[in-house]
Protein backbone atom coordinates (compact mmCIF):
# COMPACT_ATOMS: atom_id res chain seq x y z
CA MET A 1 151.33 135.36 175.14
CA THR A 2 148.63 132.95 175.98
CA SER A 3 149.68 129.87 178.13
CA THR A 4 147.76 126.75 177.79
CA HIS A 5 147.34 124.37 180.77
CA ARG A 6 146.94 120.60 179.67
CA LEU A 7 145.14 118.36 182.16
CA SER A 8 147.04 115.16 182.94
CA HIS A 9 145.30 111.93 182.12
CA LEU A 10 144.42 111.57 185.77
CA ASP A 11 143.18 115.06 186.25
CA GLN A 12 140.96 114.31 183.04
CA LEU A 13 139.39 111.25 184.72
CA GLU A 14 138.97 112.92 187.95
CA SER A 15 137.37 115.99 186.44
CA GLU A 16 134.95 113.57 184.38
CA ALA A 17 133.94 111.80 187.64
CA ILE A 18 133.50 114.75 189.45
CA TYR A 19 131.06 116.05 186.71
CA ILE A 20 129.11 112.90 186.84
CA LEU A 21 128.73 113.25 190.41
CA ARG A 22 127.42 116.61 190.06
CA GLU A 23 124.98 115.60 187.37
CA VAL A 24 123.76 112.97 189.55
CA ALA A 25 123.11 115.75 192.19
CA ALA A 26 121.30 117.82 189.79
CA GLN A 27 119.18 115.49 187.93
CA PHE A 28 117.89 113.08 190.60
CA GLU A 29 115.92 113.48 193.83
CA ARG A 30 117.28 110.70 195.93
CA PRO A 31 120.52 109.27 194.96
CA ALA A 32 122.85 107.05 196.92
CA LEU A 33 126.42 106.12 196.72
CA LEU A 34 127.01 102.45 197.05
CA PHE A 35 129.99 101.82 199.48
CA SER A 36 131.41 98.49 200.52
CA GLY A 37 134.76 99.61 201.89
CA GLY A 38 136.73 98.50 198.65
CA LYS A 39 139.35 100.61 196.66
CA ASP A 40 136.80 101.81 193.83
CA SER A 41 134.06 102.98 196.27
CA ILE A 42 136.67 104.47 198.49
CA CYS A 43 138.00 106.64 195.39
CA LEU A 44 134.36 107.52 194.90
CA VAL A 45 133.95 108.77 198.33
CA HIS A 46 137.23 110.74 197.89
CA LEU A 47 135.90 112.27 194.35
CA ALA A 48 132.58 113.16 196.12
CA LEU A 49 134.60 114.97 198.74
CA LYS A 50 136.21 117.07 195.97
CA ALA A 51 132.83 117.50 194.31
CA PHE A 52 130.74 118.75 197.24
CA ARG A 53 132.63 120.12 200.15
CA PRO A 54 132.64 122.01 202.11
CA GLY A 55 128.97 121.31 201.86
CA LYS A 56 127.49 117.82 202.85
CA PHE A 57 127.03 114.87 200.39
CA PRO A 58 123.67 115.21 198.57
CA PHE A 59 123.36 111.42 198.89
CA PRO A 60 123.80 108.89 201.84
CA LEU A 61 126.34 106.04 201.67
CA VAL A 62 124.68 102.65 201.45
CA HIS A 63 126.18 99.36 201.93
CA ILE A 64 124.50 95.80 201.03
CA ASP A 65 126.28 93.79 203.71
CA THR A 66 126.22 89.95 202.74
CA GLY A 67 127.47 88.89 206.08
CA HIS A 68 130.49 87.04 204.08
CA ASN A 69 132.41 90.48 204.06
CA PHE A 70 136.26 90.88 205.14
CA ASP A 71 136.22 92.26 208.71
CA GLU A 72 139.16 94.71 207.49
CA ALA A 73 136.81 96.08 204.81
CA LEU A 74 133.96 96.47 207.35
CA GLN A 75 136.00 98.31 209.91
CA PHE A 76 137.45 100.61 207.18
CA ARG A 77 134.03 101.44 205.96
CA ASP A 78 132.61 102.32 209.49
CA ALA A 79 135.73 104.38 210.22
CA LEU A 80 135.62 106.50 206.91
CA ALA A 81 132.09 107.16 207.29
CA GLU A 82 132.71 108.58 210.84
CA ARG A 83 135.71 110.39 209.96
CA ILE A 84 133.74 112.40 207.09
CA GLY A 85 130.76 112.77 208.82
CA GLU A 86 128.26 111.35 206.13
CA LYS A 87 125.37 109.17 206.83
CA LEU A 88 125.93 105.21 206.40
CA ILE A 89 123.10 102.83 205.64
CA VAL A 90 123.47 99.24 206.00
CA ARG A 91 121.22 96.81 205.09
CA TYR A 92 121.72 92.89 205.39
CA VAL A 93 121.31 90.03 203.13
CA GLN A 94 120.70 87.68 206.30
CA ASP A 95 117.43 89.68 206.97
CA SER A 96 116.32 88.84 203.26
CA ILE A 97 117.26 85.04 203.80
CA ASP A 98 115.44 85.13 207.23
CA GLN A 99 112.25 86.89 205.62
CA GLY A 100 112.21 84.12 202.94
CA LYS A 101 112.80 86.59 200.15
CA ALA A 102 116.37 84.90 199.09
CA VAL A 103 117.70 81.47 199.31
CA GLU A 104 121.11 80.86 200.29
CA GLU A 105 123.52 78.60 198.17
CA LYS A 106 124.83 75.46 199.67
CA GLY A 107 128.20 73.79 199.09
CA LYS A 108 131.91 74.07 199.90
CA PHE A 109 131.95 77.92 198.72
CA PRO A 110 128.44 79.41 199.03
CA SER A 111 128.16 82.69 197.64
CA ARG A 112 125.68 85.45 198.66
CA ASN A 113 126.97 87.63 195.66
CA ALA A 114 123.91 87.10 193.65
CA ILE A 115 121.12 87.10 196.13
CA GLN A 116 122.38 90.51 197.39
CA ALA A 117 120.49 92.06 194.44
CA VAL A 118 117.30 91.09 196.51
CA THR A 119 118.50 93.22 199.19
CA LEU A 120 119.59 96.16 197.26
CA LEU A 121 116.23 96.13 195.41
CA ASP A 122 114.41 96.26 198.65
CA THR A 123 116.70 98.80 200.05
CA ILE A 124 116.07 101.03 196.75
CA ALA A 125 112.38 100.67 197.40
CA GLU A 126 112.58 101.55 201.11
CA PHE A 127 114.43 104.75 200.58
CA LYS A 128 112.82 105.40 197.09
CA PHE A 129 116.36 105.79 195.79
CA ASP A 130 116.20 106.94 191.99
CA ALA A 131 119.98 106.71 191.34
CA CYS A 132 122.60 104.44 192.73
CA ILE A 133 126.34 105.53 192.21
CA GLY A 134 128.71 102.58 191.86
CA GLY A 135 132.30 101.92 191.47
CA ALA A 136 132.13 99.50 188.38
CA ARG A 137 134.45 99.96 185.60
CA ARG A 138 134.46 98.91 182.05
CA ASP A 139 138.00 97.30 182.00
CA GLU A 140 136.77 94.67 184.69
CA GLU A 141 134.42 92.57 182.92
CA LYS A 142 132.84 92.38 179.52
CA ALA A 143 129.23 92.88 180.56
CA ARG A 144 130.43 96.11 182.46
CA ALA A 145 132.35 97.00 179.26
CA LYS A 146 129.12 97.71 177.38
CA GLU A 147 127.04 99.44 180.12
CA ARG A 148 126.38 103.07 179.87
CA ILE A 149 127.64 105.58 182.51
CA PHE A 150 124.00 106.20 183.37
CA SER A 151 122.36 102.72 183.14
CA VAL A 152 118.65 102.56 183.30
CA ARG A 153 116.96 99.92 185.22
CA ASP A 154 113.39 98.84 185.13
CA GLU A 155 110.76 98.85 187.88
CA PHE A 156 112.05 95.35 188.66
CA GLY A 157 115.58 96.40 188.76
CA SER A 158 116.52 94.45 185.65
CA TRP A 159 119.10 95.80 182.87
CA ASP A 160 118.43 95.21 179.24
CA PRO A 161 121.66 95.70 177.32
CA LYS A 162 119.77 96.06 174.08
CA LEU A 163 117.91 98.98 175.57
CA GLN A 164 120.79 101.43 176.37
CA ARG A 165 120.66 105.35 175.82
CA PRO A 166 123.12 106.78 173.66
CA GLU A 167 125.77 109.01 175.64
CA LEU A 168 127.09 111.63 173.04
CA TRP A 169 129.85 113.61 174.23
CA ASN A 170 129.23 114.39 178.06
CA ILE A 171 125.36 114.48 177.74
CA TYR A 172 123.70 112.15 180.38
CA ASN A 173 119.92 111.47 180.32
CA GLY A 174 118.64 110.93 183.74
CA LYS A 175 115.04 111.02 182.75
CA ILE A 176 113.15 108.08 184.07
CA HIS A 177 109.64 106.82 184.53
CA VAL A 178 108.23 106.19 188.12
CA GLY A 179 109.63 103.14 189.61
CA GLU A 180 112.57 102.95 187.41
CA ASN A 181 116.18 103.54 188.93
CA VAL A 182 119.49 104.38 187.30
CA ARG A 183 123.00 103.14 188.21
CA VAL A 184 125.61 105.58 187.70
CA PHE A 185 129.33 104.78 187.34
CA PRO A 186 131.31 108.03 187.45
CA ILE A 187 134.78 105.89 187.16
CA SER A 188 133.41 103.63 184.38
CA ASN A 189 136.29 104.84 182.14
CA TRP A 190 139.22 104.26 184.69
CA THR A 191 141.38 101.22 184.60
CA GLU A 192 142.83 99.40 187.58
CA LEU A 193 146.14 101.01 186.84
CA ASP A 194 144.43 104.48 186.77
CA VAL A 195 142.77 103.46 190.15
CA TRP A 196 146.11 102.77 191.82
CA GLU A 197 147.91 105.70 190.16
CA TYR A 198 145.05 108.14 191.61
CA ILE A 199 145.41 106.38 194.94
CA ARG A 200 149.09 107.15 194.91
CA LYS A 201 148.67 110.69 193.62
CA GLU A 202 145.98 111.40 196.14
CA LYS A 203 147.33 109.62 199.08
CA ILE A 204 144.24 107.67 199.67
CA ASP A 205 143.95 105.16 202.75
CA LEU A 206 143.03 101.77 201.83
CA PRO A 207 142.12 98.56 204.14
CA SER A 208 145.25 96.21 204.69
CA LEU A 209 143.77 93.70 202.49
CA TYR A 210 145.27 95.21 199.41
CA PHE A 211 148.68 94.89 200.54
CA SER A 212 150.76 91.98 200.97
CA HIS A 213 150.27 89.93 204.41
CA GLN A 214 150.35 86.41 205.71
CA ARG A 215 146.94 84.52 205.75
CA GLU A 216 145.76 80.97 205.80
CA ILE A 217 144.63 79.85 202.34
CA VAL A 218 143.19 76.72 200.30
CA TRP A 219 143.40 76.20 196.69
CA ARG A 220 140.42 75.81 194.34
CA GLU A 221 140.57 75.86 190.61
CA GLU A 222 144.09 77.20 190.62
CA LEU A 223 143.11 80.03 192.81
CA VAL A 224 144.07 81.06 196.31
CA PHE A 225 141.16 81.37 198.74
CA PRO A 226 141.03 82.73 202.16
CA VAL A 227 140.22 80.30 204.86
CA SER A 228 137.22 81.49 206.87
CA LYS A 229 134.03 80.28 208.81
CA PHE A 230 132.01 80.72 205.63
CA ILE A 231 133.53 77.87 203.74
CA SER A 232 133.32 74.13 204.46
CA LEU A 233 136.67 72.29 204.31
CA ASP A 234 136.86 68.44 203.97
CA GLY A 235 139.75 66.15 204.07
CA THR A 236 140.80 66.80 200.74
CA ASP A 237 141.62 70.35 201.56
CA LYS A 238 145.12 71.29 202.48
CA VAL A 239 145.36 74.51 204.49
CA GLU A 240 148.65 76.51 203.86
CA THR A 241 150.04 80.10 205.07
CA ARG A 242 151.23 82.05 202.22
CA THR A 243 151.89 85.74 201.55
CA VAL A 244 149.05 87.28 199.69
CA ARG A 245 147.37 90.31 198.82
CA PHE A 246 143.61 91.00 197.33
CA ARG A 247 143.39 92.87 193.95
CA THR A 248 139.67 93.10 194.49
CA VAL A 249 137.55 92.59 197.61
CA GLY A 250 133.97 91.01 197.68
CA ASP A 251 132.63 88.24 199.69
CA MET A 252 135.22 85.79 201.40
CA THR A 253 133.72 82.81 199.81
CA CYS A 254 134.22 84.11 195.97
CA THR A 255 137.29 86.42 196.28
CA ALA A 256 140.56 84.89 195.63
CA ALA A 257 143.81 86.39 196.64
CA VAL A 258 147.07 86.55 194.54
CA GLU A 259 150.43 85.50 196.04
CA SER A 260 152.48 88.96 196.27
CA GLU A 261 154.90 90.67 198.12
CA ALA A 262 153.84 94.20 197.08
CA ASN A 263 153.51 96.11 200.48
CA SER A 264 153.37 99.45 199.11
CA VAL A 265 151.22 101.44 196.40
CA ASP A 266 154.34 101.68 194.28
CA ASP A 267 154.86 97.89 194.42
CA ILE A 268 151.27 97.29 193.42
CA ILE A 269 151.41 99.52 190.77
CA ARG A 270 154.59 97.81 189.24
CA GLU A 271 152.65 94.57 189.66
CA ILE A 272 149.66 95.49 187.61
CA GLN A 273 151.97 96.85 184.88
CA ILE A 274 153.40 93.27 184.36
CA SER A 275 149.94 91.33 185.12
CA ARG A 276 148.56 89.43 182.36
CA THR A 277 145.28 88.79 184.19
CA THR A 278 142.37 91.07 185.13
CA GLU A 279 141.57 91.82 188.78
CA ARG A 280 138.23 90.00 188.60
CA GLY A 281 140.01 86.79 187.15
CA SER A 282 140.31 86.28 190.94
CA ARG A 283 136.38 86.41 191.41
CA LEU A 284 134.83 82.77 191.49
CA ASP A 285 131.44 84.18 190.81
CA ASP A 286 132.56 85.42 187.29
CA LYS A 287 133.62 82.00 186.47
CA ARG A 288 130.35 80.07 186.61
CA SER A 289 129.40 81.02 183.10
CA GLU A 290 130.47 83.19 180.09
CA ALA A 291 127.90 85.46 180.89
CA ALA A 292 127.57 85.24 184.59
CA MET A 293 127.98 89.15 185.34
CA GLU A 294 125.47 89.91 182.67
CA GLU A 295 122.85 87.72 184.09
CA ARG A 296 123.33 88.92 187.52
CA LYS A 297 122.84 92.56 186.15
CA LYS A 298 119.70 91.34 184.60
CA GLY A 299 118.38 90.37 187.94
CA GLY A 300 119.11 93.55 189.51
CA TYR A 301 122.62 93.21 190.57
CA PHE A 302 125.06 96.26 190.85
């Protein structure tokens, strides 16, 4: 009698992601893994460990530091890179501003989210990276929903949604011209719920930001924003202390928290299962226009 082993849904997603990571290693000469210390990039590192251990990663970890990051995420980033013994390259948006290559926004909630594309493109040119692995997922936002797993960018880092390659079955075409770059998204087919169920299954550690904690906040456009040195408060702002957590982690100036008592992975999974909003619904930079994410991608964004 022949026994048939059926992979679970999470096992299938894991297998696909590992296959994609190995395809990157096989097809590109100088790949990099974009790593911020957020949950999605932490899952990518975990998948890379499964894909390449006991050997070393065939790529460095790269973080484009905006200078507006959460301290908890940066501390976790450094600790994880040291624990696994992999190379971490950090480049700073502040350097691009100081060099006159990028202009910082003004206002109460100045975001460096868009201008980090300048620093990223300079980093790609500095190290001659031909592929950058990222943790973007199709369920996050409509521009990401129509982007391929191997997403080709031109010599200026731009993405043209009308010029995407077909990806039939699991065949990925990494051939590019000199100067072009490919962004690769191994967990593109995952959902937020998949990520959290995988975190539970694999017992993956995360920064404390993702779990409920007390924090000083202010309200803006019905969203809960953390008080920090990067925002300008005025007399109309009322600072409150609330119990919150973060579903997504970006710049402190554009990432809103959600009021939550979820202090375990199981609690968060139950919370997500009944949520009626996406995790990027708490990102102020995505609310600037209907095509905010797509416009940033066309300018070289992740």
